[in-house]
């Protein structure tokens, strides 16, 4: 009923999962990853006008009513 190969496969899977998590944490903690994640200082700020209820949006709301 309890196959030793099945237990070994589970243990190998859990070991691999733990090693992968540790490797991911190491990469994210590295200085190179922190530099790549920060936006450039020379980037222009995005000019967003925000949400606008245009005619097609109002049409969608009208047709989507339940």
PDB file of N, CA and C in Angstrom:
ATOM      1  N   UNK A   1       0.820  -1.196   0.000  1.00  0.00           N
ATOM      2  CA  UNK A   1       0.000   0.000   0.000  1.00  0.00           C
ATOM      3  C   UNK A   1       0.864   1.260   0.000  1.00  0.00           C
ATOM      4  N   UNK A   2       1.815   1.337   0.912  1.00  0.00           N
ATOM      5  CA  UNK A   2       2.739   2.472   0.921  1.00  0.00           C
ATOM      6  C   UNK A   2       3.968   2.112   0.117  1.00  0.00           C
ATOM      7  N   UNK A   3       4.037   2.652  -1.058  1.00  0.00           N
ATOM      8  CA  UNK A   3       5.151   2.369  -1.950  1.00  0.00           C
ATOM      9  C   UNK A   3       6.326   3.278  -1.574  1.00  0.00           C
ATOM     10  N   UNK A   4       7.509   2.722  -1.282  1.00  0.00           N
ATOM     11  CA  UNK A   4       8.655   3.567  -0.908  1.00  0.00           C
ATOM     12  C   UNK A   4       9.078   4.504  -2.029  1.00  0.00           C
ATOM     13  N   UNK A   5       8.845   4.120  -3.286  1.00  0.00           N
ATOM     14  CA  UNK A   5       9.197   4.995  -4.404  1.00  0.00           C
ATOM     15  C   UNK A   5       8.336   6.258  -4.407  1.00  0.00           C
ATOM     16  N   UNK A   6       7.069   6.106  -4.011  1.00  0.00           N
ATOM     17  CA  UNK A   6       6.175   7.256  -3.959  1.00  0.00           C
ATOM     18  C   UNK A   6       6.650   8.233  -2.898  1.00  0.00           C
ATOM     19  N   UNK A   7       7.053   7.718  -1.732  1.00  0.00           N
ATOM     20  CA  UNK A   7       7.553   8.591  -0.675  1.00  0.00           C
ATOM     21  C   UNK A   7       8.810   9.311  -1.119  1.00  0.00           C
ATOM     22  N   UNK A   8       9.684   8.582  -1.816  1.00  0.00           N
ATOM     23  CA  UNK A   8      10.919   9.187  -2.292  1.00  0.00           C
ATOM     24  C   UNK A   8      10.623  10.280  -3.312  1.00  0.00           C
ATOM     25  N   UNK A   9       9.683  10.052  -4.200  1.00  0.00           N
ATOM     26  CA  UNK A   9       9.321  11.068  -5.200  1.00  0.00           C
ATOM     27  C   UNK A   9       8.779  12.320  -4.522  1.00  0.00           C
ATOM     28  N   UNK A  10       7.949  12.133  -3.496  1.00  0.00           N
ATOM     29  CA  UNK A  10       7.417  13.288  -2.778  1.00  0.00           C
ATOM     30  C   UNK A  10       8.531  14.071  -2.114  1.00  0.00           C
ATOM     31  N   UNK A  11       9.457  13.351  -1.504  1.00  0.00           N
ATOM     32  CA  UNK A  11      10.566  14.026  -0.830  1.00  0.00           C
ATOM     33  C   UNK A  11      11.433  14.776  -1.833  1.00  0.00           C
ATOM     34  N   UNK A  12      11.680  14.171  -2.975  1.00  0.00           N
ATOM     35  CA  UNK A  12      12.467  14.846  -4.002  1.00  0.00           C
ATOM     36  C   UNK A  12      11.745  16.095  -4.500  1.00  0.00           C
ATOM     37  N   UNK A  13      10.441  15.995  -4.650  1.00  0.00           N
ATOM     38  CA  UNK A  13       9.658  17.144  -5.094  1.00  0.00           C
ATOM     39  C   UNK A  13       9.741  18.272  -4.070  1.00  0.00           C
ATOM     40  N   UNK A  14       9.552  17.931  -2.802  1.00  0.00           N
ATOM     41  CA  UNK A  14       9.593  18.958  -1.767  1.00  0.00           C
ATOM     42  C   UNK A  14      10.990  19.558  -1.633  1.00  0.00           C
ATOM     43  N   UNK A  15      12.020  18.746  -1.792  1.00  0.00           N
ATOM     44  CA  UNK A  15      13.388  19.247  -1.747  1.00  0.00           C
ATOM     45  C   UNK A  15      13.641  20.203  -2.916  1.00  0.00           C
ATOM     46  N   UNK A  16      13.178  19.826  -4.092  1.00  0.00           N
ATOM     47  CA  UNK A  16      13.340  20.678  -5.272  1.00  0.00           C
ATOM     48  C   UNK A  16      12.576  21.983  -5.099  1.00  0.00           C
ATOM     49  N   UNK A  17      11.384  21.894  -4.550  1.00  0.00           N
ATOM     50  CA  UNK A  17      10.576  23.086  -4.314  1.00  0.00           C
ATOM     51  C   UNK A  17      11.272  24.026  -3.335  1.00  0.00           C
ATOM     52  N   UNK A  18      11.823  23.479  -2.271  1.00  0.00           N
ATOM     53  CA  UNK A  18      12.533  24.296  -1.296  1.00  0.00           C
ATOM     54  C   UNK A  18      13.780  24.927  -1.880  1.00  0.00           C
ATOM     55  N   UNK A  19      14.522  24.176  -2.674  1.00  0.00           N
ATOM     56  CA  UNK A  19      15.742  24.708  -3.293  1.00  0.00           C
ATOM     57  C   UNK A  19      15.390  25.800  -4.301  1.00  0.00           C
ATOM     58  N   UNK A  20      14.306  25.605  -5.032  1.00  0.00           N
ATOM     59  CA  UNK A  20      13.875  26.623  -5.996  1.00  0.00           C
ATOM     60  C   UNK A  20      13.448  27.902  -5.296  1.00  0.00           C
ATOM     61  N   UNK A  21      12.778  27.767  -4.180  1.00  0.00           N
ATOM     62  CA  UNK A  21      12.372  28.949  -3.407  1.00  0.00           C
ATOM     63  C   UNK A  21      13.568  29.695  -2.860  1.00  0.00           C
ATOM     64  N   UNK A  22      14.559  28.952  -2.379  1.00  0.00           N
ATOM     65  CA  UNK A  22      15.769  29.589  -1.864  1.00  0.00           C
ATOM     66  C   UNK A  22      16.532  30.294  -2.983  1.00  0.00           C
ATOM     67  N   UNK A  23      16.597  29.678  -4.142  1.00  0.00           N
ATOM     68  CA  UNK A  23      17.279  30.302  -5.274  1.00  0.00           C
ATOM     69  C   UNK A  23      16.556  31.567  -5.718  1.00  0.00           C
ATOM     70  N   UNK A  24      15.243  31.530  -5.724  1.00  0.00           N
ATOM     71  CA  UNK A  24      14.466  32.709  -6.098  1.00  0.00           C
ATOM     72  C   UNK A  24      14.687  33.839  -5.108  1.00  0.00           C
ATOM     73  N   UNK A  25      14.699  33.514  -3.823  1.00  0.00           N
ATOM     74  CA  UNK A  25      14.937  34.534  -2.801  1.00  0.00           C
ATOM     75  C   UNK A  25      16.330  35.134  -2.941  1.00  0.00           C
ATOM     76  N   UNK A  26      17.307  34.305  -3.279  1.00  0.00           N
ATOM     77  CA  UNK A  26      18.668  34.810  -3.445  1.00  0.00           C
ATOM     78  C   UNK A  26      18.765  35.764  -4.634  1.00  0.00           C
ATOM     79  N   UNK A  27      18.098  35.435  -5.702  1.00  0.00           N
ATOM     80  CA  UNK A  27      18.129  36.310  -6.879  1.00  0.00           C
ATOM     81  C   UNK A  27      17.431  37.624  -6.587  1.00  0.00           C
ATOM     82  N   UNK A  28      16.307  37.577  -5.910  1.00  0.00           N
ATOM     83  CA  UNK A  28      15.577  38.806  -5.606  1.00  0.00           C
ATOM     84  C   UNK A  28      16.312  39.686  -4.606  1.00  0.00           C
ATOM     85  N   UNK A  29      17.123  39.086  -3.767  1.00  0.00           N
ATOM     86  CA  UNK A  29      17.871  39.856  -2.776  1.00  0.00           C
ATOM     87  C   UNK A  29      19.174  40.425  -3.328  1.00  0.00           C
ATOM     88  N   UNK A  30      19.559  40.019  -4.509  1.00  0.00           N
ATOM     89  CA  UNK A  30      20.835  40.474  -5.067  1.00  0.00           C
ATOM     90  C   UNK A  30      20.744  41.946  -5.471  1.00  0.00           C
ATOM     91  N   UNK A  31      21.853  42.659  -5.419  1.00  0.00           N
ATOM     92  CA  UNK A  31      21.854  44.078  -5.807  1.00  0.00           C
ATOM     93  C   UNK A  31      21.484  44.291  -7.267  1.00  0.00           C
ATOM     94  N   UNK A  32      21.843  43.350  -8.125  1.00  0.00           N
ATOM     95  CA  UNK A  32      21.527  43.478  -9.543  1.00  0.00           C
ATOM     96  C   UNK A  32      20.012  43.489  -9.765  1.00  0.00           C
ATOM     97  N   UNK A  33      19.287  42.649  -9.031  1.00  0.00           N
ATOM     98  CA  UNK A  33      17.831  42.610  -9.180  1.00  0.00           C
ATOM     99  C   UNK A  33      17.199  43.898  -8.673  1.00  0.00           C
ATOM    100  N   UNK A  34      17.772  44.475  -7.633  1.00  0.00           N
ATOM    101  CA  UNK A  34      17.219  45.731  -7.109  1.00  0.00           C
ATOM    102  C   UNK A  34      17.435  46.874  -8.086  1.00  0.00           C
ATOM    103  N   UNK A  35      18.566  46.869  -8.784  1.00  0.00           N
ATOM    104  CA  UNK A  35      18.822  47.920  -9.769  1.00  0.00           C
ATOM    105  C   UNK A  35      17.895  47.786 -10.964  1.00  0.00           C
ATOM    106  N   UNK A  36      17.620  46.569 -11.378  1.00  0.00           N
ATOM    107  CA  UNK A  36      16.774  46.348 -12.540  1.00  0.00           C
ATOM    108  C   UNK A  36      15.320  46.698 -12.240  1.00  0.00           C
ATOM    109  N   UNK A  37      14.908  46.626 -10.990  1.00  0.00           N
ATOM    110  CA  UNK A  37      13.515  46.875 -10.636  1.00  0.00           C
ATOM    111  C   UNK A  37      13.179  48.337 -10.457  1.00  0.00           C
ATOM    112  N   UNK A  38      14.180  49.208 -10.339  1.00  0.00           N
ATOM    113  CA  UNK A  38      13.895  50.618 -10.116  1.00  0.00           C
ATOM    114  C   UNK A  38      13.776  51.337 -11.446  1.00  0.00           C
ATOM    115  N   UNK A  39      12.825  52.226 -11.569  1.00  0.00           N
ATOM    116  CA  UNK A  39      12.685  52.973 -12.826  1.00  0.00           C
ATOM    117  C   UNK A  39      13.821  53.978 -12.986  1.00  0.00           C
ATOM    118  N   UNK A  40      14.109  54.311 -14.188  1.00  0.00           N
ATOM    119  CA  UNK A  40      15.184  55.264 -14.468  1.00  0.00           C
ATOM    120  C   UNK A  40      14.784  56.649 -13.975  1.00  0.00           C
ATOM    121  N   UNK A  41      15.757  57.396 -13.494  1.00  0.00           N
ATOM    122  CA  UNK A  41      15.481  58.727 -12.961  1.00  0.00           C
ATOM    123  C   UNK A  41      15.131  59.709 -14.075  1.00  0.00           C
ATOM    124  N   UNK A  42      15.549  59.405 -15.298  1.00  0.00           N
ATOM    125  CA  UNK A  42      15.288  60.324 -16.401  1.00  0.00           C
ATOM    126  C   UNK A  42      13.942  60.057 -17.075  1.00  0.00           C
ATOM    127  N   UNK A  43      13.228  59.055 -16.623  1.00  0.00           N
ATOM    128  CA  UNK A  43      11.948  58.743 -17.256  1.00  0.00           C
ATOM    129  C   UNK A  43      10.938  59.847 -16.943  1.00  0.00           C
ATOM    130  N   UNK A  44      10.206  60.233 -17.953  1.00  0.00           N
ATOM    131  CA  UNK A  44       9.208  61.269 -17.763  1.00  0.00           C
ATOM    132  C   UNK A  44       7.986  60.694 -17.061  1.00  0.00           C
ATOM    133  N   UNK A  45       7.355  61.477 -16.205  1.00  0.00           N
ATOM    134  CA  UNK A  45       6.144  60.984 -15.547  1.00  0.00           C
ATOM    135  C   UNK A  45       5.024  60.791 -16.565  1.00  0.00           C
ATOM    136  N   UNK A  46       4.242  59.768 -16.331  1.00  0.00           N
ATOM    137  CA  UNK A  46       3.135  59.478 -17.252  1.00  0.00           C
ATOM    138  C   UNK A  46       2.025  60.503 -17.054  1.00  0.00           C
ATOM    139  N   UNK A  47       1.552  61.042 -18.132  1.00  0.00           N
ATOM    140  CA  UNK A  47       0.455  61.985 -18.044  1.00  0.00           C
ATOM    141  C   UNK A  47      -0.840  61.214 -18.293  1.00  0.00           C
ATOM    142  N   UNK A  48      -1.554  60.988 -17.224  1.00  0.00           N
ATOM    143  CA  UNK A  48      -2.792  60.232 -17.319  1.00  0.00           C
ATOM    144  C   UNK A  48      -3.962  61.163 -17.058  1.00  0.00           C
ATOM    145  N   UNK A  49      -4.952  61.058 -17.888  1.00  0.00           N
ATOM    146  CA  UNK A  49      -6.118  61.905 -17.690  1.00  0.00           C
ATOM    147  C   UNK A  49      -7.181  61.183 -16.885  1.00  0.00           C
ATOM    148  N   UNK A  50      -6.946  59.914 -16.594  1.00  0.00           N
ATOM    149  CA  UNK A  50      -7.861  59.177 -15.747  1.00  0.00           C
ATOM    150  C   UNK A  50      -9.053  58.613 -16.506  1.00  0.00           C
ATOM    151  N   UNK A  51     -10.054  58.240 -15.742  1.00  0.00           N
ATOM    152  CA  UNK A  51     -11.249  57.610 -16.298  1.00  0.00           C
ATOM    153  C   UNK A  51     -12.132  58.650 -16.965  1.00  0.00           C
ATOM    154  N   UNK A  52     -12.632  58.290 -18.142  1.00  0.00           N
ATOM    155  CA  UNK A  52     -13.587  59.164 -18.825  1.00  0.00           C
ATOM    156  C   UNK A  52     -14.777  58.327 -19.265  1.00  0.00           C
ATOM    157  N   UNK A  53     -15.948  58.756 -18.947  1.00  0.00           N
ATOM    158  CA  UNK A  53     -17.159  58.062 -19.370  1.00  0.00           C
ATOM    159  C   UNK A  53     -17.532  58.579 -20.755  1.00  0.00           C
ATOM    160  N   UNK A  54     -16.948  57.958 -21.775  1.00  0.00           N
ATOM    161  CA  UNK A  54     -17.231  58.367 -23.139  1.00  0.00           C
ATOM    162  C   UNK A  54     -18.519  57.683 -23.623  1.00  0.00           C
ATOM    163  N   UNK A  55     -18.881  57.973 -24.853  1.00  0.00           N
ATOM    164  CA  UNK A  55     -20.134  57.447 -25.404  1.00  0.00           C
ATOM    165  C   UNK A  55     -20.118  55.922 -25.467  1.00  0.00           C
ATOM    166  N   UNK A  56     -19.011  55.321 -25.894  1.00  0.00           N
ATOM    167  CA  UNK A  56     -18.996  53.863 -25.987  1.00  0.00           C
ATOM    168  C   UNK A  56     -19.004  53.214 -24.608  1.00  0.00           C
ATOM    169  N   UNK A  57     -18.451  53.875 -23.588  1.00  0.00           N
ATOM    170  CA  UNK A  57     -18.498  53.344 -22.229  1.00  0.00           C
ATOM    171  C   UNK A  57     -19.933  53.393 -21.712  1.00  0.00           C
ATOM    172  N   UNK A  58     -20.614  54.504 -21.935  1.00  0.00           N
ATOM    173  CA  UNK A  58     -22.012  54.606 -21.504  1.00  0.00           C
ATOM    174  C   UNK A  58     -22.881  53.585 -22.239  1.00  0.00           C
ATOM    175  N   UNK A  59     -22.592  53.329 -23.510  1.00  0.00           N
ATOM    176  CA  UNK A  59     -23.331  52.329 -24.268  1.00  0.00           C
ATOM    177  C   UNK A  59     -23.108  50.943 -23.679  1.00  0.00           C
ATOM    178  N   UNK A  60     -21.873  50.641 -23.290  1.00  0.00           N
ATOM    179  CA  UNK A  60     -21.588  49.349 -22.668  1.00  0.00           C
ATOM    180  C   UNK A  60     -22.355  49.203 -21.358  1.00  0.00           C
ATOM    181  N   UNK A  61     -22.319  50.234 -20.526  1.00  0.00           N
ATOM    182  CA  UNK A  61     -23.043  50.167 -19.257  1.00  0.00           C
ATOM    183  C   UNK A  61     -24.542  49.967 -19.487  1.00  0.00           C
ATOM    184  N   UNK A  62     -25.062  50.632 -20.502  1.00  0.00           N
ATOM    185  CA  UNK A  62     -26.490  50.504 -20.787  1.00  0.00           C
ATOM    186  C   UNK A  62     -26.829  49.077 -21.222  1.00  0.00           C
ATOM    187  N   UNK A  63     -25.985  48.476 -22.054  1.00  0.00           N
ATOM    188  CA  UNK A  63     -26.287  47.133 -22.551  1.00  0.00           C
ATOM    189  C   UNK A  63     -25.926  46.035 -21.548  1.00  0.00           C
ATOM    190  N   UNK A  64     -25.110  46.332 -20.555  1.00  0.00           N
ATOM    191  CA  UNK A  64     -24.687  45.316 -19.595  1.00  0.00           C
ATOM    192  C   UNK A  64     -25.598  45.237 -18.372  1.00  0.00           C
ATOM    193  N   UNK A  65     -26.579  46.079 -18.291  1.00  0.00           N
ATOM    194  CA  UNK A  65     -27.489  46.031 -17.138  1.00  0.00           C
ATOM    195  C   UNK A  65     -28.240  44.723 -17.096  1.00  0.00           C
ATOM    196  N   UNK A  66     -28.380  44.208 -15.912  1.00  0.00           N
ATOM    197  CA  UNK A  66     -29.073  42.929 -15.736  1.00  0.00           C
ATOM    198  C   UNK A  66     -30.505  43.165 -15.345  1.00  0.00           C
TER     199      UNK A  66
END
